[in-house]
Protein backbone atom coordinates (compact mmCIF):
# COMPACT_ATOMS: atom_id res chain seq x y z
CA UNK A 1 -29.99 -11.91 20.72
CA UNK A 2 -27.49 -11.92 17.86
CA UNK A 3 -27.34 -9.29 15.11
CA UNK A 4 -25.83 -10.36 11.77
CA UNK A 5 -24.86 -7.97 9.00
CA UNK A 6 -24.59 -9.63 5.59
CA UNK A 7 -22.75 -8.90 2.34
CA UNK A 8 -20.43 -10.75 -0.03
CA UNK A 9 -17.39 -9.22 1.71
CA UNK A 10 -16.62 -6.87 4.57
CA UNK A 11 -16.61 -3.13 3.90
CA UNK A 12 -16.81 0.17 5.74
CA UNK A 13 -20.58 -0.37 5.86
CA UNK A 14 -20.28 -3.66 7.72
CA UNK A 15 -17.31 -2.56 9.84
CA UNK A 16 -19.01 0.57 11.17
CA UNK A 17 -22.31 -1.22 11.76
CA UNK A 18 -20.48 -3.82 13.86
CA UNK A 19 -18.59 -1.03 15.62
CA UNK A 20 -21.91 0.63 16.52
CA UNK A 21 -23.29 -2.67 17.82
CA UNK A 22 -20.28 -3.40 19.97
CA UNK A 23 -20.31 0.13 21.40
CA UNK A 24 -23.76 -0.70 22.78
CA UNK A 25 -22.77 -4.16 23.98
CA UNK A 26 -24.75 -5.95 21.25
CA UNK A 27 -23.64 -9.34 19.91
CA UNK A 28 -22.93 -8.23 16.34
CA UNK A 29 -21.15 -10.19 13.60
CA UNK A 30 -20.56 -10.39 9.84
CA UNK A 31 -21.59 -13.29 7.58
CA UNK A 32 -21.54 -13.69 3.81
CA UNK A 33 -24.66 -14.31 1.74
CA UNK A 34 -23.48 -17.86 1.02
CA UNK A 35 -23.01 -18.51 4.74
CA UNK A 36 -26.43 -17.05 5.48
CA UNK A 37 -28.17 -19.27 2.93
CA UNK A 38 -26.37 -22.35 4.26
CA UNK A 39 -27.01 -21.73 7.96
CA UNK A 40 -30.23 -19.67 8.19
CA UNK A 41 -32.36 -22.69 9.22
CA UNK A 42 -30.07 -23.11 12.24
CA UNK A 43 -30.42 -19.49 13.42
CA UNK A 44 -32.19 -18.70 16.68
CA UNK A 45 -33.06 -15.31 18.19
CA UNK A 46 -31.27 -13.40 15.42
CA UNK A 47 -31.84 -10.17 13.50
CA UNK A 48 -30.30 -9.99 10.02
CA UNK A 49 -29.36 -6.79 8.22
CA UNK A 50 -28.82 -7.24 4.47
CA UNK A 51 -26.22 -4.98 2.88
CA UNK A 52 -25.66 -4.68 -0.89
CA UNK A 53 -22.84 -6.78 -2.33
CA UNK A 54 -19.54 -5.12 -3.16
CA UNK A 55 -18.76 -5.28 -6.89
CA UNK A 56 -15.62 -4.01 -8.63
CA UNK A 57 -16.92 -4.86 -12.13
CA UNK A 58 -16.94 -1.93 -14.58
CA UNK A 59 -18.28 -3.77 -17.66
CA UNK A 60 -21.91 -2.58 -17.78
CA UNK A 61 -23.45 -5.87 -18.95
CA UNK A 62 -21.43 -7.96 -16.50
CA UNK A 63 -22.31 -5.58 -13.68
CA UNK A 64 -26.00 -5.89 -14.52
CA UNK A 65 -25.66 -9.67 -14.54
CA UNK A 66 -24.18 -9.54 -11.02
CA UNK A 67 -27.03 -7.27 -9.90
CA UNK A 68 -29.55 -9.68 -11.42
CA UNK A 69 -27.96 -12.54 -9.46
CA UNK A 70 -28.27 -10.48 -6.29
CA UNK A 71 -31.98 -9.93 -6.89
CA UNK A 72 -32.35 -13.70 -7.32
CA UNK A 73 -30.62 -14.14 -3.97
CA UNK A 74 -33.06 -11.72 -2.35
CA UNK A 75 -36.00 -13.64 -3.85
CA UNK A 76 -34.60 -16.88 -2.42
CA UNK A 77 -34.24 -15.28 1.00
CA UNK A 78 -37.78 -13.91 0.80
CA UNK A 79 -39.12 -17.40 0.08
CA UNK A 80 -37.10 -19.37 2.64
CA UNK A 81 -38.78 -20.73 5.77
CA UNK A 82 -37.02 -19.00 8.62
CA UNK A 83 -37.07 -20.24 12.20
CA UNK A 84 -39.21 -18.50 14.78
CA UNK A 85 -37.30 -15.64 16.37
CA UNK A 86 -35.32 -14.86 13.20
CA UNK A 87 -36.07 -11.48 11.64
CA UNK A 88 -34.76 -9.27 8.84
CA UNK A 89 -34.28 -5.60 9.69
CA UNK A 90 -35.50 -4.84 6.15
CA UNK A 91 -37.36 -7.70 4.55
CA UNK A 92 -35.78 -9.03 1.32
CA UNK A 93 -39.10 -8.47 -0.48
CA UNK A 94 -39.12 -4.78 0.54
CA UNK A 95 -35.51 -4.30 -0.62
CA UNK A 96 -36.45 -5.94 -3.93
CA UNK A 97 -39.37 -3.56 -4.36
CA UNK A 98 -37.09 -0.56 -3.80
CA UNK A 99 -34.64 -1.92 -6.40
CA UNK A 100 -37.41 -1.75 -9.02
CA UNK A 101 -38.03 1.87 -10.01
CA UNK A 102 -41.40 1.14 -11.62
CA UNK A 103 -42.78 -0.69 -8.58
CA UNK A 104 -41.36 2.02 -6.34
CA UNK A 105 -43.14 4.73 -8.35
CA UNK A 106 -46.39 2.78 -8.10
CA UNK A 107 -46.07 2.40 -4.33
CA UNK A 108 -45.24 6.07 -3.85
CA UNK A 109 -48.09 7.21 -6.09
CA UNK A 110 -50.43 4.95 -4.14
CA UNK A 111 -49.34 6.75 -0.97
CA UNK A 112 -50.06 10.13 -2.55
CA UNK A 113 -46.41 11.21 -2.68
CA UNK A 114 -44.93 13.51 -5.32
CA UNK A 115 -42.16 11.93 -7.37
CA UNK A 116 -40.05 12.95 -10.34
CA UNK A 117 -42.45 12.18 -13.23
CA UNK A 118 -41.96 8.84 -14.98
CA UNK A 119 -42.08 9.50 -18.73
CA UNK A 120 -41.66 5.91 -19.93
CA UNK A 121 -40.76 2.43 -18.74
CA UNK A 122 -40.92 0.80 -22.18
CA UNK A 123 -38.25 2.47 -24.33
CA UNK A 124 -36.41 0.16 -26.73
CA UNK A 125 -34.60 2.51 -29.12
CA UNK A 126 -32.99 5.92 -28.99
CA UNK A 127 -35.42 7.10 -31.68
CA UNK A 128 -38.28 6.43 -29.24
CA UNK A 129 -36.46 8.39 -26.54
CA UNK A 130 -35.72 11.23 -28.96
CA UNK A 131 -39.35 11.47 -30.06
CA UNK A 132 -40.50 11.61 -26.45
CA UNK A 133 -38.02 14.35 -25.55
CA UNK A 134 -38.92 16.32 -28.69
CA UNK A 135 -42.53 16.38 -27.48
CA UNK A 136 -41.63 16.96 -23.85
CA UNK A 137 -39.29 19.86 -24.64
CA UNK A 138 -37.46 19.03 -21.41
CA UNK A 139 -34.58 16.74 -20.64
CA UNK A 140 -34.83 13.29 -19.15
CA UNK A 141 -32.91 10.93 -16.90
CA UNK A 142 -32.50 7.50 -18.49
CA UNK A 143 -31.83 4.92 -15.77
CA UNK A 144 -31.67 1.14 -15.47
CA UNK A 145 -35.04 0.03 -14.14
CA UNK A 146 -33.40 -2.19 -11.54
CA UNK A 147 -30.79 -1.19 -9.00
CA UNK A 148 -29.59 2.01 -7.38
CA UNK A 149 -26.69 4.39 -7.81
CA UNK A 150 -25.32 6.25 -10.81
CA UNK A 151 -24.24 3.22 -12.89
CA UNK A 152 -25.92 3.39 -16.29
CA UNK A 153 -27.65 6.71 -15.57
CA UNK A 154 -27.74 9.22 -18.45
CA UNK A 155 -29.04 12.77 -18.17
CA UNK A 156 -30.10 13.54 -21.76
CA UNK A 157 -31.32 16.82 -23.21
CA UNK A 158 -32.15 18.10 -26.69
CA UNK A 159 -31.76 21.80 -27.53
CA UNK A 160 -34.49 22.58 -30.06
CA UNK A 161 -33.13 26.00 -30.96
CA UNK A 162 -29.65 24.72 -31.76
CA UNK A 163 -30.67 21.21 -32.85
CA UNK A 164 -28.09 19.78 -30.44
CA UNK A 165 -27.98 16.82 -28.08
CA UNK A 166 -26.10 16.65 -24.80
CA UNK A 167 -25.80 13.83 -22.27
CA UNK A 168 -24.07 13.48 -18.93
CA UNK A 169 -23.17 9.98 -17.80
CA UNK A 170 -20.57 7.78 -16.12
CA UNK A 171 -20.71 5.42 -19.10
CA UNK A 172 -18.34 5.23 -22.04
CA UNK A 173 -17.65 2.74 -24.80
CA UNK A 174 -14.43 0.73 -24.28
CA UNK A 175 -13.60 -1.53 -27.20
CA UNK A 176 -16.50 -3.95 -27.54
CA UNK A 177 -18.42 -3.07 -24.37
CA UNK A 178 -19.83 -0.19 -22.35
CA UNK A 179 -18.24 0.46 -18.99
CA UNK A 180 -18.93 2.59 -15.93
CA UNK A 181 -16.36 5.02 -14.62
CA UNK A 182 -16.19 7.03 -11.40
CA UNK A 183 -16.41 10.30 -13.27
CA UNK A 184 -19.07 12.09 -15.26
CA UNK A 185 -18.56 12.59 -19.00
CA UNK A 186 -20.27 15.16 -21.21
CA UNK A 187 -21.30 13.80 -24.61
CA UNK A 188 -22.55 15.81 -27.57
CA UNK A 189 -22.32 13.32 -30.45
CA UNK A 190 -25.84 12.02 -31.15
CA UNK A 191 -24.62 8.64 -32.39
CA UNK A 192 -22.42 8.11 -29.33
CA UNK A 193 -25.29 9.07 -27.01
CA UNK A 194 -27.67 6.76 -28.89
CA UNK A 195 -25.37 3.72 -28.69
CA UNK A 196 -24.91 4.09 -24.92
CA UNK A 197 -28.60 4.83 -24.33
CA UNK A 198 -29.66 1.68 -26.19
CA UNK A 199 -27.16 -0.32 -24.13
CA UNK A 200 -28.99 0.87 -21.00
CA UNK A 201 -32.36 0.06 -22.56
CA UNK A 202 -31.31 -3.53 -23.25
CA UNK A 203 -31.25 -4.24 -19.52
CA UNK A 204 -34.63 -2.55 -18.99
CA UNK A 205 -34.79 1.19 -18.46
CA UNK A 206 -37.00 4.02 -17.27
CA UNK A 207 -37.03 7.64 -18.39
CA UNK A 208 -37.78 10.27 -15.77
CA UNK A 209 -38.30 13.98 -16.29
CA UNK A 210 -35.19 16.09 -15.76
CA UNK A 211 -36.48 18.47 -13.10
CA UNK A 212 -34.50 21.62 -12.33
CA UNK A 213 -33.05 21.36 -8.83
CA UNK A 214 -32.63 24.10 -6.27
CA UNK A 215 -29.15 25.58 -5.89
CA UNK A 216 -26.74 26.10 -3.00
CA UNK A 217 -23.97 28.62 -3.66
CA UNK A 218 -24.25 28.17 -7.42
CA UNK A 219 -24.40 24.35 -7.45
CA UNK A 220 -27.38 22.08 -8.04
CA UNK A 221 -28.28 19.96 -5.05
CA UNK A 222 -30.51 17.16 -3.93
CA UNK A 223 -30.77 15.35 -0.61
CA UNK A 224 -30.23 11.87 0.77
CA UNK A 225 -32.61 11.57 3.72
CA UNK A 226 -31.88 8.56 5.95
CA UNK A 227 -35.05 7.43 7.71
CA UNK A 228 -35.57 4.85 10.45
CA UNK A 229 -39.13 3.93 11.39
CA UNK A 230 -40.80 7.31 12.11
CA UNK A 231 -37.55 9.23 12.49
CA UNK A 232 -35.08 11.02 10.23
CA UNK A 233 -31.56 10.15 11.38
CA UNK A 234 -29.53 12.14 8.89
CA UNK A 235 -29.73 14.37 5.83
CA UNK A 236 -26.78 14.93 3.53
CA UNK A 237 -26.83 17.62 0.84
CA UNK A 238 -25.32 16.39 -2.44
CA UNK A 239 -24.02 19.25 -4.59
CA UNK A 240 -22.84 19.23 -8.19
CA UNK A 241 -22.19 21.71 -10.96
CA UNK A 242 -23.95 19.23 -13.26
CA UNK A 243 -27.06 17.08 -13.22
CA UNK A 244 -25.78 13.94 -11.45
CA UNK A 245 -25.11 14.39 -7.73
CA UNK A 246 -23.95 10.96 -6.47
CA UNK A 247 -21.16 11.56 -3.97
CA UNK A 248 -18.79 8.82 -5.16
CA UNK A 249 -18.41 10.80 -8.41
CA UNK A 250 -16.37 13.55 -6.73
CA UNK A 251 -19.42 15.65 -5.97
CA UNK A 252 -19.60 17.67 -2.74
CA UNK A 253 -21.33 16.63 0.48
CA UNK A 254 -22.65 19.63 2.40
CA UNK A 255 -24.34 19.86 5.78
CA UNK A 256 -28.13 20.07 5.95
CA UNK A 257 -27.80 23.06 8.28
CA UNK A 258 -26.25 25.05 5.43
CA UNK A 259 -29.60 25.17 3.62
CA UNK A 260 -31.91 28.10 4.31
CA UNK A 261 -35.12 26.07 4.04
CA UNK A 262 -38.22 27.33 5.78
CA UNK A 263 -39.36 25.20 8.75
CA UNK A 264 -42.49 24.20 6.82
CA UNK A 265 -40.37 22.91 3.91
CA UNK A 266 -38.14 20.92 6.28
CA UNK A 267 -41.19 19.39 7.93
CA UNK A 268 -42.69 18.47 4.56
CA UNK A 269 -39.35 16.99 3.43
CA UNK A 270 -39.14 14.83 6.56
CA UNK A 271 -42.79 13.74 6.47
CA UNK A 272 -42.62 12.72 2.80
CA UNK A 273 -39.38 10.80 3.32
CA UNK A 274 -40.80 8.89 6.28
CA UNK A 275 -44.00 8.20 4.32
CA UNK A 276 -41.94 6.86 1.40
CA UNK A 277 -40.08 4.50 3.72
CA UNK A 278 -43.38 3.22 5.10
CA UNK A 279 -44.95 2.92 1.63
CA UNK A 280 -42.33 0.35 0.63
CA UNK A 281 -42.57 -1.59 3.89
CA UNK A 282 -39.03 -0.67 4.97
CA UNK A 283 -37.81 -0.11 8.53
CA UNK A 284 -35.00 2.12 7.29
CA UNK A 285 -34.12 3.65 3.92
CA UNK A 286 -32.19 6.34 2.13
CA UNK A 287 -34.61 8.60 0.27
CA UNK A 288 -33.28 10.77 -2.56
CA UNK A 289 -35.25 14.00 -2.73
CA UNK A 290 -34.97 17.15 -4.83
CA UNK A 291 -36.42 20.56 -4.13
CA UNK A 292 -37.83 21.91 -7.40
CA UNK A 293 -36.21 25.26 -8.09
CA UNK A 294 -38.22 28.31 -6.99
CA UNK A 295 -41.05 26.18 -5.61
CA UNK A 296 -40.00 24.88 -2.14
CA UNK A 297 -41.66 21.61 -3.19
CA UNK A 298 -39.90 18.29 -2.41
CA UNK A 299 -40.09 15.49 -5.00
CA UNK A 300 -38.92 11.97 -4.27
CA UNK A 301 -36.41 10.71 -6.83
CA UNK A 302 -35.68 7.22 -5.51
CA UNK A 303 -35.96 5.01 -2.44
CA UNK A 304 -32.95 2.89 -1.51
CA UNK A 305 -33.69 0.10 0.95
CA UNK A 306 -29.98 -0.11 1.74
CA UNK A 307 -29.18 3.59 1.40
CA UNK A 308 -27.94 4.39 4.91
CA UNK A 309 -24.21 4.55 4.09
CA UNK A 310 -23.21 8.17 4.81
CA UNK A 311 -19.51 8.91 5.36
CA UNK A 312 -20.37 12.33 6.76
CA UNK A 313 -22.05 10.60 9.72
CA UNK A 314 -20.05 7.38 9.85
CA UNK A 315 -16.70 9.04 10.47
CA UNK A 316 -18.08 11.40 13.14
CA UNK A 317 -20.97 10.24 15.34
CA UNK A 318 -21.91 6.99 13.54
CA UNK A 319 -25.42 7.67 14.80
CA UNK A 320 -27.24 6.12 11.83
CA UNK A 321 -25.95 2.65 12.65
CA UNK A 322 -26.09 3.24 16.41
CA UNK A 323 -29.77 4.18 16.15
CA UNK A 324 -30.43 1.09 14.02
CA UNK A 325 -28.94 -1.13 16.73
CA UNK A 326 -31.16 0.56 19.32
CA UNK A 327 -34.19 0.06 17.07
CA UNK A 328 -33.36 -3.62 16.64
CA UNK A 329 -33.13 -4.09 20.40
CA UNK A 330 -36.34 -2.14 20.96
CA UNK A 331 -38.31 -4.09 18.36
CA UNK A 332 -36.96 -7.57 18.93
CA UNK A 333 -35.35 -7.67 22.37
CA UNK A 334 -37.26 -5.23 24.57
CA UNK A 335 -36.18 -1.67 25.32
CA UNK A 336 -32.54 -1.06 26.12
């Protein structure tokens, strides 16, 4: 049996997955999406793992266009007639579902799972957002409906007492276009916030409630829980002094063992993460979860059908990818 990992170019993701496969004696290789589309009908006895493409584009509209093209590619792969004996580790259709925050919320709600509340999926203007937050009297996270990661995300809050707006985002206006940066900016000018927010809305956006996260040593944190079938392979704690915790934005990765969570909370966290993976029809996923402050209650923020890329594990045990190889061989090639 052959195992192929696919992206538009090699990366640490693909390199360490192949390294894990070869450490177990598995026939593991890299192919591009173009190569996969051209040769898939010729495949035999093969398992395919789809990784996200690597983009360097910072222009927000151009980046969204590239992401839209990738979703089209996934739809093509979902529709193609594949030979008998050819399997996807995560089906393209399941990855597509996870890339759509509205569909993901619907699936999770259908499974009875608690999620960060969705306030709107139909905002078109900043005035609409402002009116909603006035009524809500809480902040909100404005996010592109499609995709994952911090690109285009804006944490927006209105202070009624001071009549002041504040937003935290990786976006800024550069000449004639909005761009993403690998750092978080704090904005307080209403007009500047509005222009960037409406740029996000043009590509389709959702607004989620800004829930107050639990703290670890004075910093807000949430969790990336990497699930595989009925197991949790890894949990990384993502800490930030602000609202956005993505690790590529110079936030801190802490060890799960540093949290003083009660055993019952840990069990609930694991069970909900595994249930979320199942609800979307995924064999593995990275589940973003927050613990609401002073409640011990886990809420699912997002499900990432390709969210298993954890440096904390990769550069030490590399067990996430090693366990995936074992799962592939167990499911499709008998037990190792």
